[in-house]
Amino acid sequence: MKVKVTYNPEITSQPTDLDSNLTIELDYEQSAGGNIEPVPGVDQTIGGQEVEIVSSGDGLYEDSYESGRLIYRGQNPNNYIEFNGELWRIIAKETD
């Protein structure tokens, strides 16, 4: 989780009180192993798009060495994303 704090651009003077408190309440359920485990056949979100985890052929697989990590395999997996006018190839979705 990231919190970004910015000043209102219409304010022209520095405030005297620079400290602030923030309370965040998260409602979540932790998996038994401590990592989020992808489930084969269930879509995962990458770049806002749902991608199915497969167990054969071209596509997105669970990494057998690192729990929660997903990797692309195959001769022609659809693992491209256009960002900033450039075409990039996604190799893996890391656990973090």
PDB file of N, CA and C in Angstrom:
ATOM      1  N   MET A   1       0.850  -1.167   0.000  1.00  0.00           N
ATOM      2  CA  MET A   1       0.000   0.000   0.000  1.00  0.00           C
ATOM      3  C   MET A   1       0.894   1.227   0.000  1.00  0.00           C
ATOM      4  N   LYS A   2       0.527   2.188  -0.792  1.00  0.00           N
ATOM      5  CA  LYS A   2       1.268   3.442  -0.843  1.00  0.00           C
ATOM      6  C   LYS A   2       0.316   4.584  -0.544  1.00  0.00           C
ATOM      7  N   VAL A   3       0.798   5.559   0.198  1.00  0.00           N
ATOM      8  CA  VAL A   3       0.026   6.763   0.492  1.00  0.00           C
ATOM      9  C   VAL A   3       0.814   7.937  -0.073  1.00  0.00           C
ATOM     10  N   LYS A   4       0.179   8.720  -0.902  1.00  0.00           N
ATOM     11  CA  LYS A   4       0.828   9.887  -1.504  1.00  0.00           C
ATOM     12  C   LYS A   4       0.173  11.141  -0.946  1.00  0.00           C
ATOM     13  N   VAL A   5       0.984  12.014  -0.400  1.00  0.00           N
ATOM     14  CA  VAL A   5       0.492  13.270   0.167  1.00  0.00           C
ATOM     15  C   VAL A   5       1.061  14.408  -0.663  1.00  0.00           C
ATOM     16  N   THR A   6       0.180  15.293  -1.120  1.00  0.00           N
ATOM     17  CA  THR A   6       0.629  16.442  -1.902  1.00  0.00           C
ATOM     18  C   THR A   6      -0.005  17.708  -1.328  1.00  0.00           C
ATOM     19  N   TYR A   7       0.640  18.820  -1.604  1.00  0.00           N
ATOM     20  CA  TYR A   7       0.097  20.117  -1.186  1.00  0.00           C
ATOM     21  C   TYR A   7      -0.912  20.604  -2.199  1.00  0.00           C
ATOM     22  N   ASN A   8      -1.860  21.370  -1.741  1.00  0.00           N
ATOM     23  CA  ASN A   8      -2.797  22.053  -2.619  1.00  0.00           C
ATOM     24  C   ASN A   8      -2.002  23.130  -3.362  1.00  0.00           C
ATOM     25  N   PRO A   9      -1.983  23.147  -4.689  1.00  0.00           N
ATOM     26  CA  PRO A   9      -1.186  24.123  -5.446  1.00  0.00           C
ATOM     27  C   PRO A   9      -1.624  25.573  -5.236  1.00  0.00           C
ATOM     28  N   GLU A  10      -2.821  25.784  -4.701  1.00  0.00           N
ATOM     29  CA  GLU A  10      -3.294  27.144  -4.470  1.00  0.00           C
ATOM     30  C   GLU A  10      -2.740  27.739  -3.179  1.00  0.00           C
ATOM     31  N   ILE A  11      -2.153  26.901  -2.322  1.00  0.00           N
ATOM     32  CA  ILE A  11      -1.579  27.374  -1.061  1.00  0.00           C
ATOM     33  C   ILE A  11      -0.168  27.891  -1.339  1.00  0.00           C
ATOM     34  N   THR A  12       0.126  29.099  -0.892  1.00  0.00           N
ATOM     35  CA  THR A  12       1.427  29.720  -1.202  1.00  0.00           C
ATOM     36  C   THR A  12       2.349  29.841   0.002  1.00  0.00           C
ATOM     37  N   SER A  13       1.879  29.470   1.209  1.00  0.00           N
ATOM     38  CA  SER A  13       2.748  29.563   2.384  1.00  0.00           C
ATOM     39  C   SER A  13       2.869  28.198   3.058  1.00  0.00           C
ATOM     40  N   GLN A  14       3.990  27.988   3.720  1.00  0.00           N
ATOM     41  CA  GLN A  14       4.256  26.736   4.421  1.00  0.00           C
ATOM     42  C   GLN A  14       3.456  26.688   5.725  1.00  0.00           C
ATOM     43  N   PRO A  15       2.704  25.614   6.001  1.00  0.00           N
ATOM     44  CA  PRO A  15       1.978  25.537   7.268  1.00  0.00           C
ATOM     45  C   PRO A  15       2.946  25.347   8.436  1.00  0.00           C
ATOM     46  N   THR A  16       2.524  25.764   9.601  1.00  0.00           N
ATOM     47  CA  THR A  16       3.390  25.622  10.783  1.00  0.00           C
ATOM     48  C   THR A  16       3.320  24.216  11.358  1.00  0.00           C
ATOM     49  N   ASP A  17       2.208  23.543  11.225  1.00  0.00           N
ATOM     50  CA  ASP A  17       2.067  22.183  11.738  1.00  0.00           C
ATOM     51  C   ASP A  17       2.353  21.203  10.603  1.00  0.00           C
ATOM     52  N   LEU A  18       3.514  20.538  10.633  1.00  0.00           N
ATOM     53  CA  LEU A  18       3.912  19.632   9.562  1.00  0.00           C
ATOM     54  C   LEU A  18       3.658  18.164   9.908  1.00  0.00           C
ATOM     55  N   ASP A  19       3.146  17.884  11.104  1.00  0.00           N
ATOM     56  CA  ASP A  19       2.869  16.517  11.523  1.00  0.00           C
ATOM     57  C   ASP A  19       1.396  16.198  11.349  1.00  0.00           C
ATOM     58  N   SER A  20       1.133  14.952  11.028  1.00  0.00           N
ATOM     59  CA  SER A  20      -0.241  14.501  10.889  1.00  0.00           C
ATOM     60  C   SER A  20      -0.303  13.017  11.217  1.00  0.00           C
ATOM     61  N   ASN A  21      -1.427  12.566  11.712  1.00  0.00           N
ATOM     62  CA  ASN A  21      -1.636  11.153  12.006  1.00  0.00           C
ATOM     63  C   ASN A  21      -2.623  10.586  11.008  1.00  0.00           C
ATOM     64  N   LEU A  22      -2.396   9.341  10.637  1.00  0.00           N
ATOM     65  CA  LEU A  22      -3.255   8.670   9.689  1.00  0.00           C
ATOM     66  C   LEU A  22      -3.557   7.283  10.235  1.00  0.00           C
ATOM     67  N   THR A  23      -4.821   6.925  10.266  1.00  0.00           N
ATOM     68  CA  THR A  23      -5.228   5.594  10.703  1.00  0.00           C
ATOM     69  C   THR A  23      -5.897   4.891   9.534  1.00  0.00           C
ATOM     70  N   ILE A  24      -5.424   3.686   9.245  1.00  0.00           N
ATOM     71  CA  ILE A  24      -5.990   2.890   8.161  1.00  0.00           C
ATOM     72  C   ILE A  24      -6.429   1.561   8.747  1.00  0.00           C
ATOM     73  N   GLU A  25      -7.656   1.165   8.434  1.00  0.00           N
ATOM     74  CA  GLU A  25      -8.160  -0.124   8.877  1.00  0.00           C
ATOM     75  C   GLU A  25      -8.316  -1.008   7.651  1.00  0.00           C
ATOM     76  N   LEU A  26      -7.601  -2.132   7.635  1.00  0.00           N
ATOM     77  CA  LEU A  26      -7.662  -3.061   6.515  1.00  0.00           C
ATOM     78  C   LEU A  26      -8.447  -4.296   6.929  1.00  0.00           C
ATOM     79  N   ASP A  27      -9.348  -4.703   6.077  1.00  0.00           N
ATOM     80  CA  ASP A  27     -10.128  -5.905   6.314  1.00  0.00           C
ATOM     81  C   ASP A  27      -9.630  -6.952   5.320  1.00  0.00           C
ATOM     82  N   TYR A  28      -8.884  -7.966   5.781  1.00  0.00           N
ATOM     83  CA  TYR A  28      -8.299  -8.948   4.880  1.00  0.00           C
ATOM     84  C   TYR A  28      -8.264 -10.317   5.539  1.00  0.00           C
ATOM     85  N   GLU A  29      -7.979 -11.328   4.718  1.00  0.00           N
ATOM     86  CA  GLU A  29      -7.814 -12.681   5.215  1.00  0.00           C
ATOM     87  C   GLU A  29      -6.474 -13.203   4.710  1.00  0.00           C
ATOM     88  N   GLN A  30      -5.606 -13.617   5.625  1.00  0.00           N
ATOM     89  CA  GLN A  30      -4.264 -14.101   5.294  1.00  0.00           C
ATOM     90  C   GLN A  30      -4.326 -15.594   5.002  1.00  0.00           C
ATOM     91  N   SER A  31      -3.649 -16.038   3.947  1.00  0.00           N
ATOM     92  CA  SER A  31      -3.605 -17.467   3.670  1.00  0.00           C
ATOM     93  C   SER A  31      -2.730 -18.152   4.707  1.00  0.00           C
ATOM     94  N   ALA A  32      -2.923 -19.447   4.876  1.00  0.00           N
ATOM     95  CA  ALA A  32      -2.212 -20.200   5.914  1.00  0.00           C
ATOM     96  C   ALA A  32      -0.700 -20.151   5.731  1.00  0.00           C
ATOM     97  N   GLY A  33      -0.226 -20.145   4.484  1.00  0.00           N
ATOM     98  CA  GLY A  33       1.212 -20.136   4.225  1.00  0.00           C
ATOM     99  C   GLY A  33       1.833 -18.755   4.279  1.00  0.00           C
ATOM    100  N   GLY A  34       1.037 -17.722   4.464  1.00  0.00           N
ATOM    101  CA  GLY A  34       1.562 -16.366   4.535  1.00  0.00           C
ATOM    102  C   GLY A  34       1.637 -15.671   3.196  1.00  0.00           C
ATOM    103  N   ASN A  35       1.380 -16.385   2.097  1.00  0.00           N
ATOM    104  CA  ASN A  35       1.409 -15.789   0.760  1.00  0.00           C
ATOM    105  C   ASN A  35       0.061 -15.974   0.094  1.00  0.00           C
ATOM    106  N   ILE A  36      -0.253 -15.114  -0.839  1.00  0.00           N
ATOM    107  CA  ILE A  36      -1.464 -15.281  -1.629  1.00  0.00           C
ATOM    108  C   ILE A  36      -1.167 -16.347  -2.665  1.00  0.00           C
ATOM    109  N   GLU A  37      -1.928 -17.407  -2.639  1.00  0.00           N
ATOM    110  CA  GLU A  37      -1.703 -18.526  -3.545  1.00  0.00           C
ATOM    111  C   GLU A  37      -2.602 -18.402  -4.768  1.00  0.00           C
ATOM    112  N   PRO A  38      -2.023 -18.346  -5.974  1.00  0.00           N
ATOM    113  CA  PRO A  38      -2.860 -18.355  -7.164  1.00  0.00           C
ATOM    114  C   PRO A  38      -3.515 -19.723  -7.332  1.00  0.00           C
ATOM    115  N   VAL A  39      -4.698 -19.740  -7.873  1.00  0.00           N
ATOM    116  CA  VAL A  39      -5.431 -20.988  -8.061  1.00  0.00           C
ATOM    117  C   VAL A  39      -5.515 -21.283  -9.551  1.00  0.00           C
ATOM    118  N   PRO A  40      -5.015 -22.462 -10.004  1.00  0.00           N
ATOM    119  CA  PRO A  40      -5.104 -22.781 -11.436  1.00  0.00           C
ATOM    120  C   PRO A  40      -6.539 -22.707 -11.934  1.00  0.00           C
ATOM    121  N   GLY A  41      -6.715 -22.135 -13.138  1.00  0.00           N
ATOM    122  CA  GLY A  41      -8.031 -22.001 -13.727  1.00  0.00           C
ATOM    123  C   GLY A  41      -8.785 -20.764 -13.275  1.00  0.00           C
ATOM    124  N   VAL A  42      -8.261 -20.070 -12.281  1.00  0.00           N
ATOM    125  CA  VAL A  42      -8.904 -18.854 -11.783  1.00  0.00           C
ATOM    126  C   VAL A  42      -8.128 -17.659 -12.300  1.00  0.00           C
ATOM    127  N   ASP A  43      -8.838 -16.667 -12.816  1.00  0.00           N
ATOM    128  CA  ASP A  43      -8.192 -15.494 -13.389  1.00  0.00           C
ATOM    129  C   ASP A  43      -7.412 -14.714 -12.343  1.00  0.00           C
ATOM    130  N   GLN A  44      -6.254 -14.195 -12.748  1.00  0.00           N
ATOM    131  CA  GLN A  44      -5.442 -13.290 -11.950  1.00  0.00           C
ATOM    132  C   GLN A  44      -5.426 -11.952 -12.680  1.00  0.00           C
ATOM    133  N   THR A  45      -5.281 -10.859 -11.949  1.00  0.00           N
ATOM    134  CA  THR A  45      -5.265  -9.538 -12.568  1.00  0.00           C
ATOM    135  C   THR A  45      -3.831  -9.088 -12.790  1.00  0.00           C
ATOM    136  N   ILE A  46      -3.512  -8.730 -14.026  1.00  0.00           N
ATOM    137  CA  ILE A  46      -2.210  -8.175 -14.383  1.00  0.00           C
ATOM    138  C   ILE A  46      -2.481  -6.930 -15.216  1.00  0.00           C
ATOM    139  N   GLY A  47      -2.042  -5.781 -14.713  1.00  0.00           N
ATOM    140  CA  GLY A  47      -2.259  -4.536 -15.435  1.00  0.00           C
ATOM    141  C   GLY A  47      -3.723  -4.224 -15.649  1.00  0.00           C
ATOM    142  N   GLY A  48      -4.568  -4.640 -14.702  1.00  0.00           N
ATOM    143  CA  GLY A  48      -5.987  -4.381 -14.802  1.00  0.00           C
ATOM    144  C   GLY A  48      -6.736  -5.348 -15.702  1.00  0.00           C
ATOM    145  N   GLN A  49      -6.025  -6.330 -16.272  1.00  0.00           N
ATOM    146  CA  GLN A  49      -6.662  -7.311 -17.142  1.00  0.00           C
ATOM    147  C   GLN A  49      -6.626  -8.679 -16.470  1.00  0.00           C
ATOM    148  N   GLU A  50      -7.732  -9.410 -16.586  1.00  0.00           N
ATOM    149  CA  GLU A  50      -7.777 -10.741 -16.009  1.00  0.00           C
ATOM    150  C   GLU A  50      -7.078 -11.730 -16.939  1.00  0.00           C
ATOM    151  N   VAL A  51      -6.203 -12.564 -16.344  1.00  0.00           N
ATOM    152  CA  VAL A  51      -5.440 -13.551 -17.092  1.00  0.00           C
ATOM    153  C   VAL A  51      -5.615 -14.893 -16.399  1.00  0.00           C
ATOM    154  N   GLU A  52      -5.983 -15.930 -17.157  1.00  0.00           N
ATOM    155  CA  GLU A  52      -6.208 -17.249 -16.583  1.00  0.00           C
ATOM    156  C   GLU A  52      -4.887 -17.962 -16.320  1.00  0.00           C
ATOM    157  N   ILE A  53      -4.776 -18.623 -15.183  1.00  0.00           N
ATOM    158  CA  ILE A  53      -3.625 -19.480 -14.890  1.00  0.00           C
ATOM    159  C   ILE A  53      -3.890 -20.820 -15.563  1.00  0.00           C
ATOM    160  N   VAL A  54      -2.920 -21.318 -16.313  1.00  0.00           N
ATOM    161  CA  VAL A  54      -3.085 -22.571 -17.048  1.00  0.00           C
ATOM    162  C   VAL A  54      -2.181 -23.651 -16.471  1.00  0.00           C
ATOM    163  N   SER A  55      -2.445 -24.890 -16.855  1.00  0.00           N
ATOM    164  CA  SER A  55      -1.597 -25.997 -16.420  1.00  0.00           C
ATOM    165  C   SER A  55      -0.960 -26.709 -17.601  1.00  0.00           C
ATOM    166  N   SER A  56      -1.278 -26.270 -18.841  1.00  0.00           N
ATOM    167  CA  SER A  56      -0.631 -26.822 -20.021  1.00  0.00           C
ATOM    168  C   SER A  56      -0.719 -25.807 -21.158  1.00  0.00           C
ATOM    169  N   GLY A  57       0.182 -25.954 -22.131  1.00  0.00           N
ATOM    170  CA  GLY A  57       0.180 -25.064 -23.289  1.00  0.00           C
ATOM    171  C   GLY A  57       0.795 -23.707 -22.985  1.00  0.00           C
ATOM    172  N   ASP A  58       0.557 -22.730 -23.874  1.00  0.00           N
ATOM    173  CA  ASP A  58       1.070 -21.379 -23.700  1.00  0.00           C
ATOM    174  C   ASP A  58       0.247 -20.643 -22.657  1.00  0.00           C
ATOM    175  N   GLY A  59       0.903 -19.832 -21.831  1.00  0.00           N
ATOM    176  CA  GLY A  59       0.146 -19.012 -20.900  1.00  0.00           C
ATOM    177  C   GLY A  59       0.836 -18.769 -19.581  1.00  0.00           C
ATOM    178  N   LEU A  60       0.035 -18.404 -18.593  1.00  0.00           N
ATOM    179  CA  LEU A  60       0.507 -18.023 -17.265  1.00  0.00           C
ATOM    180  C   LEU A  60       0.447 -19.231 -16.331  1.00  0.00           C
ATOM    181  N   TYR A  61       1.569 -19.547 -15.693  1.00  0.00           N
ATOM    182  CA  TYR A  61       1.698 -20.691 -14.801  1.00  0.00           C
ATOM    183  C   TYR A  61       2.088 -20.253 -13.397  1.00  0.00           C
ATOM    184  N   GLU A  62       1.764 -21.088 -12.414  1.00  0.00           N
ATOM    185  CA  GLU A  62       2.298 -20.923 -11.069  1.00  0.00           C
ATOM    186  C   GLU A  62       3.768 -21.294 -11.108  1.00  0.00           C
ATOM    187  N   ASP A  63       4.628 -20.514 -10.472  1.00  0.00           N
ATOM    188  CA  ASP A  63       6.042 -20.846 -10.350  1.00  0.00           C
ATOM    189  C   ASP A  63       6.174 -21.989  -9.340  1.00  0.00           C
ATOM    190  N   SER A  64       6.810 -23.084  -9.744  1.00  0.00           N
ATOM    191  CA  SER A  64       6.926 -24.246  -8.855  1.00  0.00           C
ATOM    192  C   SER A  64       7.989 -24.053  -7.779  1.00  0.00           C
ATOM    193  N   TYR A  65       8.802 -23.000  -7.866  1.00  0.00           N
ATOM    194  CA  TYR A  65       9.869 -22.768  -6.894  1.00  0.00           C
ATOM    195  C   TYR A  65       9.552 -21.671  -5.889  1.00  0.00           C
ATOM    196  N   GLU A  66       8.737 -20.690  -6.289  1.00  0.00           N
ATOM    197  CA  GLU A  66       8.438 -19.553  -5.410  1.00  0.00           C
ATOM    198  C   GLU A  66       6.934 -19.383  -5.275  1.00  0.00           C
ATOM    199  N   SER A  67       6.423 -19.603  -4.089  1.00  0.00           N
ATOM    200  CA  SER A  67       4.991 -19.530  -3.815  1.00  0.00           C
ATOM    201  C   SER A  67       4.446 -18.136  -4.129  1.00  0.00           C
ATOM    202  N   GLY A  68       3.330 -18.079  -4.856  1.00  0.00           N
ATOM    203  CA  GLY A  68       2.681 -16.815  -5.168  1.00  0.00           C
ATOM    204  C   GLY A  68       3.189 -16.135  -6.426  1.00  0.00           C
ATOM    205  N   ARG A  69       4.318 -16.595  -6.980  1.00  0.00           N
ATOM    206  CA  ARG A  69       4.893 -16.002  -8.190  1.00  0.00           C
ATOM    207  C   ARG A  69       4.290 -16.677  -9.414  1.00  0.00           C
ATOM    208  N   LEU A  70       4.003 -15.896 -10.454  1.00  0.00           N
ATOM    209  CA  LEU A  70       3.439 -16.416 -11.694  1.00  0.00           C
ATOM    210  C   LEU A  70       4.408 -16.135 -12.831  1.00  0.00           C
ATOM    211  N   ILE A  71       4.559 -17.095 -13.751  1.00  0.00           N
ATOM    212  CA  ILE A  71       5.465 -16.926 -14.890  1.00  0.00           C
ATOM    213  C   ILE A  71       4.768 -17.323 -16.191  1.00  0.00           C
ATOM    214  N   TYR A  72       5.193 -16.696 -17.285  1.00  0.00           N
ATOM    215  CA  TYR A  72       4.675 -17.049 -18.602  1.00  0.00           C
ATOM    216  C   TYR A  72       5.573 -18.114 -19.217  1.00  0.00           C
ATOM    217  N   ARG A  73       4.946 -19.094 -19.884  1.00  0.00           N
ATOM    218  CA  ARG A  73       5.675 -20.153 -20.591  1.00  0.00           C
ATOM    219  C   ARG A  73       5.005 -20.393 -21.939  1.00  0.00           C
ATOM    220  N   GLY A  74       5.772 -20.969 -22.844  1.00  0.00           N
ATOM    221  CA  GLY A  74       5.214 -21.391 -24.123  1.00  0.00           C
ATOM    222  C   GLY A  74       5.869 -20.696 -25.293  1.00  0.00           C
ATOM    223  N   GLN A  75       5.532 -21.168 -26.487  1.00  0.00           N
ATOM    224  CA  GLN A  75       6.081 -20.611 -27.715  1.00  0.00           C
ATOM    225  C   GLN A  75       5.458 -19.269 -28.066  1.00  0.00           C
ATOM    226  N   ASN A  76       4.177 -19.084 -27.743  1.00  0.00           N
ATOM    227  CA  ASN A  76       3.485 -17.869 -28.150  1.00  0.00           C
ATOM    228  C   ASN A  76       2.466 -17.415 -27.101  1.00  0.00           C
ATOM    229  N   PRO A  77       2.909 -17.208 -25.841  1.00  0.00           N
ATOM    230  CA  PRO A  77       1.934 -16.734 -24.847  1.00  0.00           C
ATOM    231  C   PRO A  77       1.573 -15.282 -25.119  1.00  0.00           C
ATOM    232  N   ASN A  78       0.335 -14.922 -24.822  1.00  0.00           N
ATOM    233  CA  ASN A  78      -0.114 -13.541 -25.003  1.00  0.00           C
ATOM    234  C   ASN A  78       0.279 -12.754 -23.755  1.00  0.00           C
ATOM    235  N   ASN A  79       1.533 -12.322 -23.690  1.00  0.00           N
ATOM    236  CA  ASN A  79       2.042 -11.650 -22.495  1.00  0.00           C
ATOM    237  C   ASN A  79       2.669 -10.303 -22.824  1.00  0.00           C
ATOM    238  N   TYR A  80       2.017  -9.546 -23.677  1.00  0.00           N
ATOM    239  CA  TYR A  80       2.492  -8.227 -24.055  1.00  0.00           C
ATOM    240  C   TYR A  80       1.600  -7.149 -23.451  1.00  0.00           C
ATOM    241  N   ILE A  81       2.211  -5.996 -23.155  1.00  0.00           N
ATOM    242  CA  ILE A  81       1.464  -4.848 -22.656  1.00  0.00           C
ATOM    243  C   ILE A  81       2.067  -3.597 -23.279  1.00  0.00           C
ATOM    244  N   GLU A  82       1.218  -2.688 -23.706  1.00  0.00           N
ATOM    245  CA  GLU A  82       1.715  -1.426 -24.247  1.00  0.00           C
ATOM    246  C   GLU A  82       1.706  -0.396 -23.133  1.00  0.00           C
ATOM    247  N   PHE A  83       2.848   0.234 -22.938  1.00  0.00           N
ATOM    248  CA  PHE A  83       3.016   1.231 -21.879  1.00  0.00           C
ATOM    249  C   PHE A  83       3.871   2.363 -22.413  1.00  0.00           C
ATOM    250  N   ASN A  84       3.389   3.589 -22.263  1.00  0.00           N
ATOM    251  CA  ASN A  84       4.136   4.771 -22.665  1.00  0.00           C
ATOM    252  C   ASN A  84       4.542   4.720 -24.137  1.00  0.00           C
ATOM    253  N   GLY A  85       3.649   4.183 -24.973  1.00  0.00           N
ATOM    254  CA  GLY A  85       3.914   4.121 -26.402  1.00  0.00           C
ATOM    255  C   GLY A  85       4.893   3.047 -26.820  1.00  0.00           C
ATOM    256  N   GLU A  86       5.281   2.162 -25.890  1.00  0.00           N
ATOM    257  CA  GLU A  86       6.217   1.084 -26.192  1.00  0.00           C
ATOM    258  C   GLU A  86       5.574  -0.254 -25.857  1.00  0.00           C
ATOM    259  N   LEU A  87       5.925  -1.302 -26.619  1.00  0.00           N
ATOM    260  CA  LEU A  87       5.413  -2.641 -26.382  1.00  0.00           C
ATOM    261  C   LEU A  87       6.394  -3.400 -25.493  1.00  0.00           C
ATOM    262  N   TRP A  88       5.901  -3.909 -24.357  1.00  0.00           N
ATOM    263  CA  TRP A  88       6.717  -4.632 -23.379  1.00  0.00           C
ATOM    264  C   TRP A  88       6.203  -6.062 -23.269  1.00  0.00           C
ATOM    265  N   ARG A  89       7.089  -6.967 -22.923  1.00  0.00           N
ATOM    266  CA  ARG A  89       6.702  -8.360 -22.721  1.00  0.00           C
ATOM    267  C   ARG A  89       6.809  -8.679 -21.233  1.00  0.00           C
ATOM    268  N   ILE A  90       5.716  -9.162 -20.659  1.00  0.00           N
ATOM    269  CA  ILE A  90       5.699  -9.534 -19.245  1.00  0.00           C
ATOM    270  C   ILE A  90       6.291 -10.929 -19.122  1.00  0.00           C
ATOM    271  N   ILE A  91       7.287 -11.084 -18.267  1.00  0.00           N
ATOM    272  CA  ILE A  91       7.919 -12.375 -18.049  1.00  0.00           C
ATOM    273  C   ILE A  91       7.323 -13.067 -16.830  1.00  0.00           C
ATOM    274  N   ALA A  92       7.082 -12.293 -15.751  1.00  0.00           N
ATOM    275  CA  ALA A  92       6.581 -12.876 -14.513  1.00  0.00           C
ATOM    276  C   ALA A  92       5.809 -11.841 -13.726  1.00  0.00           C
ATOM    277  N   LYS A  93       4.931 -12.326 -12.853  1.00  0.00           N
ATOM    278  CA  LYS A  93       4.258 -11.483 -11.882  1.00  0.00           C
ATOM    279  C   LYS A  93       4.828 -11.893 -10.523  1.00  0.00           C
ATOM    280  N   GLU A  94       5.586 -10.990  -9.926  1.00  0.00           N
ATOM    281  CA  GLU A  94       6.249 -11.295  -8.659  1.00  0.00           C
ATOM    282  C   GLU A  94       5.254 -11.272  -7.502  1.00  0.00           C
ATOM    283  N   THR A  95       5.634 -11.871  -6.381  1.00  0.00           N
ATOM    284  CA  THR A  95       4.737 -11.959  -5.229  1.00  0.00           C
ATOM    285  C   THR A  95       4.463 -10.599  -4.602  1.00  0.00           C
ATOM    286  N   ASP A  96       5.379  -9.643  -4.759  1.00  0.00           N
ATOM    287  CA  ASP A  96       5.166  -8.321  -4.162  1.00  0.00           C
ATOM    288  C   ASP A  96       4.529  -7.367  -5.155  1.00  0.00           C
TER     289      ASP A  96
END
